[in-house]
Each structure stands twice: as structure tokens, then as C-alpha cells.
Amino acid sequence: MNTSRILWLAVAVTALGVCTLLTVATTSEAHPHHGEAEVVIDLADATMGKTYVAHVEGMTCPTGCAPRVAEALRTIHGVESVEVDFDKKQAVIRIAPGHTITQEACDDAFGNSGYFVDELDEVVATSPGA
């Protein structure tokens, strides 16, 4: 049984007109039912953006700070939505497909406001039973 794989990237346009990269893997062994090589396309990363949790320091009041933090983070290229939880001192940031976010980008968006990201974690989705 030959299990070698060939990986390549392809550009696709989603129904929303967003260009994304697809990871395409082919196996060199024949498919058991069709007698041809199987092509596997991972559409999860291509159609869904990533979610991050930013641990934000410098917030002192829920009524003023939380909206300012959210507004600043929304200015980062690729950010689709931001939800700030003042009590947890966290911002949940959803990024468009094909984009990433860095701690430096968050701190740059805050400017000299006194807010800064202490830690930035990508939320990894797990399937039930995994």
C-alpha cells in the first residue's frame, strides 16, 4: 500500500466572493471503489475564519473601556467581530478566512490608550468525543 501524498494550494472563491486558500491532498493509491486517486479538500479553514481570545490589561471601567477596546480591535484588517467581557478582561475576536491576528497588531490598534494584550490564544474547535 503506497501512502505518499501530494499537497498543493488552490485559490477558491466562496459564495460570498471571498478568495481563500484550499489545502488539497491527493493519495497515490487507488480509491477502493472507483479505481482512481482520491482528492481530499479541507474546506473548514477555507470557509470559516479563526477565533482568538485576547487577555486585555488596562481596562478599569465596564461602561467606557469595553466599548473602546472593541472599537480599537475592529480596526485591525480581517477582524469580523469583537466581543469584550470586562469582568474576565477578555476580548473574543473572530477573524475572516485567510487572515490572522497578532498580539502586536492588537497593541498597535490600542495606540497609547493604556490597553494592551497580555496574551493572545487561538480557540481550537474540537469535535465531540475527541
C-alpha atoms as a PDB file:
ATOM      1  CA  MET A   1       0.000   0.000   0.000  1.00  0.00           C
ATOM      2  CA  ASN A   2       1.518   3.323  -1.094  1.00  0.00           C
ATOM      3  CA  THR A   3       0.544   6.165   1.233  1.00  0.00           C
ATOM      4  CA  SER A   4       2.542   9.043  -0.218  1.00  0.00           C
ATOM      5  CA  ARG A   5       0.680  12.329  -0.501  1.00  0.00           C
ATOM      6  CA  ILE A   6       0.953  15.362  -2.687  1.00  0.00           C
ATOM      7  CA  LEU A   7      -0.115  18.641  -1.111  1.00  0.00           C
ATOM      8  CA  TRP A   8      -0.837  21.821  -3.043  1.00  0.00           C
ATOM      9  CA  LEU A   9      -2.756  25.021  -2.592  1.00  0.00           C
ATOM     10  CA  ALA A  10      -5.545  26.316  -4.766  1.00  0.00           C
ATOM     11  CA  VAL A  11      -7.409  29.600  -4.705  1.00  0.00           C
ATOM     12  CA  ALA A  12     -11.173  29.384  -4.492  1.00  0.00           C
ATOM     13  CA  VAL A  13     -13.906  31.981  -4.384  1.00  0.00           C
ATOM     14  CA  THR A  14     -16.641  31.298  -1.850  1.00  0.00           C
ATOM     15  CA  ALA A  15     -20.304  32.107  -2.343  1.00  0.00           C
ATOM     16  CA  LEU A  16     -19.640  35.428  -0.628  1.00  0.00           C
ATOM     17  CA  GLY A  17     -16.941  36.311  -3.136  1.00  0.00           C
ATOM     18  CA  VAL A  18     -14.084  35.863  -0.671  1.00  0.00           C
ATOM     19  CA  CYS A  19     -10.858  34.426  -2.042  1.00  0.00           C
ATOM     20  CA  THR A  20      -9.461  31.677   0.148  1.00  0.00           C
ATOM     21  CA  LEU A  21      -6.689  29.141   0.013  1.00  0.00           C
ATOM     22  CA  LEU A  22      -7.606  25.481  -0.003  1.00  0.00           C
ATOM     23  CA  THR A  23      -5.268  22.719   1.038  1.00  0.00           C
ATOM     24  CA  VAL A  24      -5.662  19.852  -1.385  1.00  0.00           C
ATOM     25  CA  ALA A  25      -4.188  16.451  -0.694  1.00  0.00           C
ATOM     26  CA  THR A  26      -4.133  13.535  -3.070  1.00  0.00           C
ATOM     27  CA  THR A  27      -3.140   9.993  -2.361  1.00  0.00           C
ATOM     28  CA  SER A  28      -1.220   7.969  -4.868  1.00  0.00           C
ATOM     29  CA  GLU A  29      -3.183   4.837  -4.136  1.00  0.00           C
ATOM     30  CA  ALA A  30      -6.359   3.964  -5.984  1.00  0.00           C
ATOM     31  CA  HIS A  31      -9.697   4.581  -4.337  1.00  0.00           C
ATOM     32  CA  PRO A  32     -11.152   1.163  -3.401  1.00  0.00           C
ATOM     33  CA  HIS A  33     -14.498   1.779  -5.143  1.00  0.00           C
ATOM     34  CA  HIS A  34     -13.553   3.953  -8.099  1.00  0.00           C
ATOM     35  CA  GLY A  35     -10.061   2.816  -9.030  1.00  0.00           C
ATOM     36  CA  GLU A  36      -8.699   6.381  -9.089  1.00  0.00           C
ATOM     37  CA  ALA A  37      -6.694   8.590  -6.775  1.00  0.00           C
ATOM     38  CA  GLU A  38      -8.726  10.216  -4.039  1.00  0.00           C
ATOM     39  CA  VAL A  39      -8.693  14.005  -3.638  1.00  0.00           C
ATOM     40  CA  VAL A  40      -9.351  15.460  -0.204  1.00  0.00           C
ATOM     41  CA  ILE A  41     -10.118  19.169   0.171  1.00  0.00           C
ATOM     42  CA  ASP A  42     -10.144  20.682   3.630  1.00  0.00           C
ATOM     43  CA  LEU A  43     -12.869  23.323   3.348  1.00  0.00           C
ATOM     44  CA  ALA A  44     -13.089  24.044   7.083  1.00  0.00           C
ATOM     45  CA  ASP A  45     -10.210  26.519   7.122  1.00  0.00           C
ATOM     46  CA  ALA A  46     -11.234  27.939   3.752  1.00  0.00           C
ATOM     47  CA  THR A  47     -14.797  28.830   4.689  1.00  0.00           C
ATOM     48  CA  MET A  48     -14.508  29.587   8.393  1.00  0.00           C
ATOM     49  CA  GLY A  49     -12.271  32.142   9.977  1.00  0.00           C
ATOM     50  CA  LYS A  50     -10.404  31.667  13.228  1.00  0.00           C
ATOM     51  CA  THR A  51     -11.365  32.824  16.697  1.00  0.00           C
ATOM     52  CA  TYR A  52      -8.937  34.239  19.248  1.00  0.00           C
ATOM     53  CA  VAL A  53      -9.196  35.221  22.902  1.00  0.00           C
ATOM     54  CA  ALA A  54      -7.181  38.292  23.847  1.00  0.00           C
ATOM     55  CA  HIS A  55      -6.446  38.873  27.529  1.00  0.00           C
ATOM     56  CA  VAL A  56      -6.629  42.670  27.753  1.00  0.00           C
ATOM     57  CA  GLU A  57      -4.936  44.637  30.508  1.00  0.00           C
ATOM     58  CA  GLY A  58      -5.640  48.281  31.366  1.00  0.00           C
ATOM     59  CA  MET A  59      -9.458  48.156  31.412  1.00  0.00           C
ATOM     60  CA  THR A  60     -10.707  49.980  34.526  1.00  0.00           C
ATOM     61  CA  CYS A  61     -14.440  50.534  33.896  1.00  0.00           C
ATOM     62  CA  PRO A  62     -17.030  48.406  32.060  1.00  0.00           C
ATOM     63  CA  THR A  63     -19.030  51.262  30.578  1.00  0.00           C
ATOM     64  CA  GLY A  64     -16.168  53.094  28.903  1.00  0.00           C
ATOM     65  CA  CYS A  65     -13.290  50.672  28.468  1.00  0.00           C
ATOM     66  CA  ALA A  66     -15.056  47.662  26.979  1.00  0.00           C
ATOM     67  CA  PRO A  67     -16.567  49.614  24.038  1.00  0.00           C
ATOM     68  CA  ARG A  68     -13.229  51.373  23.368  1.00  0.00           C
ATOM     69  CA  VAL A  69     -11.342  48.066  23.347  1.00  0.00           C
ATOM     70  CA  ALA A  70     -13.878  46.546  20.939  1.00  0.00           C
ATOM     71  CA  GLU A  71     -13.771  49.590  18.659  1.00  0.00           C
ATOM     72  CA  ALA A  72      -9.959  49.546  18.527  1.00  0.00           C
ATOM     73  CA  LEU A  73      -9.774  45.813  17.767  1.00  0.00           C
ATOM     74  CA  ARG A  74     -12.353  46.155  14.964  1.00  0.00           C
ATOM     75  CA  THR A  75      -9.911  48.419  13.097  1.00  0.00           C
ATOM     76  CA  ILE A  76      -7.489  45.510  12.540  1.00  0.00           C
ATOM     77  CA  HIS A  77      -7.579  44.203   8.964  1.00  0.00           C
ATOM     78  CA  GLY A  78      -9.521  40.926   8.781  1.00  0.00           C
ATOM     79  CA  VAL A  79     -11.432  41.288  12.047  1.00  0.00           C
ATOM     80  CA  GLU A  80     -15.087  40.321  11.559  1.00  0.00           C
ATOM     81  CA  SER A  81     -16.375  40.732  15.117  1.00  0.00           C
ATOM     82  CA  VAL A  82     -15.255  41.502  18.658  1.00  0.00           C
ATOM     83  CA  GLU A  83     -16.992  40.742  21.961  1.00  0.00           C
ATOM     84  CA  VAL A  84     -15.420  42.192  25.117  1.00  0.00           C
ATOM     85  CA  ASP A  85     -16.033  40.740  28.586  1.00  0.00           C
ATOM     86  CA  PHE A  86     -14.938  43.356  31.121  1.00  0.00           C
ATOM     87  CA  ASP A  87     -15.183  41.000  34.118  1.00  0.00           C
ATOM     88  CA  LYS A  88     -12.884  38.423  32.505  1.00  0.00           C
ATOM     89  CA  LYS A  89     -10.673  41.131  30.954  1.00  0.00           C
ATOM     90  CA  GLN A  90     -11.002  39.297  27.630  1.00  0.00           C
ATOM     91  CA  ALA A  91     -11.949  40.030  24.054  1.00  0.00           C
ATOM     92  CA  VAL A  92     -13.176  37.285  21.732  1.00  0.00           C
ATOM     93  CA  ILE A  93     -12.021  38.189  18.227  1.00  0.00           C
ATOM     94  CA  ARG A  94     -13.343  36.471  15.092  1.00  0.00           C
ATOM     95  CA  ILE A  95     -11.117  36.734  12.022  1.00  0.00           C
ATOM     96  CA  ALA A  96     -12.144  36.394   8.378  1.00  0.00           C
ATOM     97  CA  PRO A  97     -10.927  33.324   6.463  1.00  0.00           C
ATOM     98  CA  GLY A  98      -7.357  33.667   5.249  1.00  0.00           C
ATOM     99  CA  HIS A  99      -6.418  36.266   7.895  1.00  0.00           C
ATOM    100  CA  THR A 100      -4.502  36.069  11.147  1.00  0.00           C
ATOM    101  CA  ILE A 101      -4.047  38.398  14.079  1.00  0.00           C
ATOM    102  CA  THR A 102      -1.052  39.051  16.305  1.00  0.00           C
ATOM    103  CA  GLN A 103      -0.557  40.476  19.768  1.00  0.00           C
ATOM    104  CA  GLU A 104       1.443  43.292  18.175  1.00  0.00           C
ATOM    105  CA  ALA A 105      -1.456  44.174  15.840  1.00  0.00           C
ATOM    106  CA  CYS A 106      -3.786  44.406  18.843  1.00  0.00           C
ATOM    107  CA  ASP A 107      -1.382  46.611  20.782  1.00  0.00           C
ATOM    108  CA  ASP A 108      -0.877  48.821  17.706  1.00  0.00           C
ATOM    109  CA  ALA A 109      -4.666  49.227  17.404  1.00  0.00           C
ATOM    110  CA  PHE A 110      -4.806  50.386  21.044  1.00  0.00           C
ATOM    111  CA  GLY A 111      -2.198  53.067  20.389  1.00  0.00           C
ATOM    112  CA  ASN A 112      -1.382  54.964  23.571  1.00  0.00           C
ATOM    113  CA  SER A 113      -4.774  54.310  25.196  1.00  0.00           C
ATOM    114  CA  GLY A 114      -3.297  52.319  28.087  1.00  0.00           C
ATOM    115  CA  TYR A 115      -4.748  48.987  26.962  1.00  0.00           C
ATOM    116  CA  PHE A 116      -2.510  46.120  25.933  1.00  0.00           C
ATOM    117  CA  VAL A 117      -2.828  42.419  25.205  1.00  0.00           C
ATOM    118  CA  ASP A 118      -1.118  40.301  27.829  1.00  0.00           C
ATOM    119  CA  GLU A 119      -1.848  37.030  25.990  1.00  0.00           C
ATOM    120  CA  LEU A 120      -3.474  36.032  22.684  1.00  0.00           C
ATOM    121  CA  ASP A 121      -4.782  32.474  22.272  1.00  0.00           C
ATOM    122  CA  GLU A 122      -6.324  30.847  19.226  1.00  0.00           C
ATOM    123  CA  VAL A 123      -9.509  28.966  20.069  1.00  0.00           C
ATOM    124  CA  VAL A 124      -9.210  25.451  18.673  1.00  0.00           C
ATOM    125  CA  ALA A 125     -12.509  23.786  17.851  1.00  0.00           C
ATOM    126  CA  THR A 126     -12.794  20.171  18.892  1.00  0.00           C
ATOM    127  CA  SER A 127     -15.365  17.680  17.786  1.00  0.00           C
ATOM    128  CA  PRO A 128     -17.488  15.883  20.379  1.00  0.00           C
ATOM    129  CA  GLY A 129     -15.750  12.815  21.755  1.00  0.00           C
ATOM    130  CA  ALA A 130     -12.307  13.978  20.585  1.00  0.00           C
END
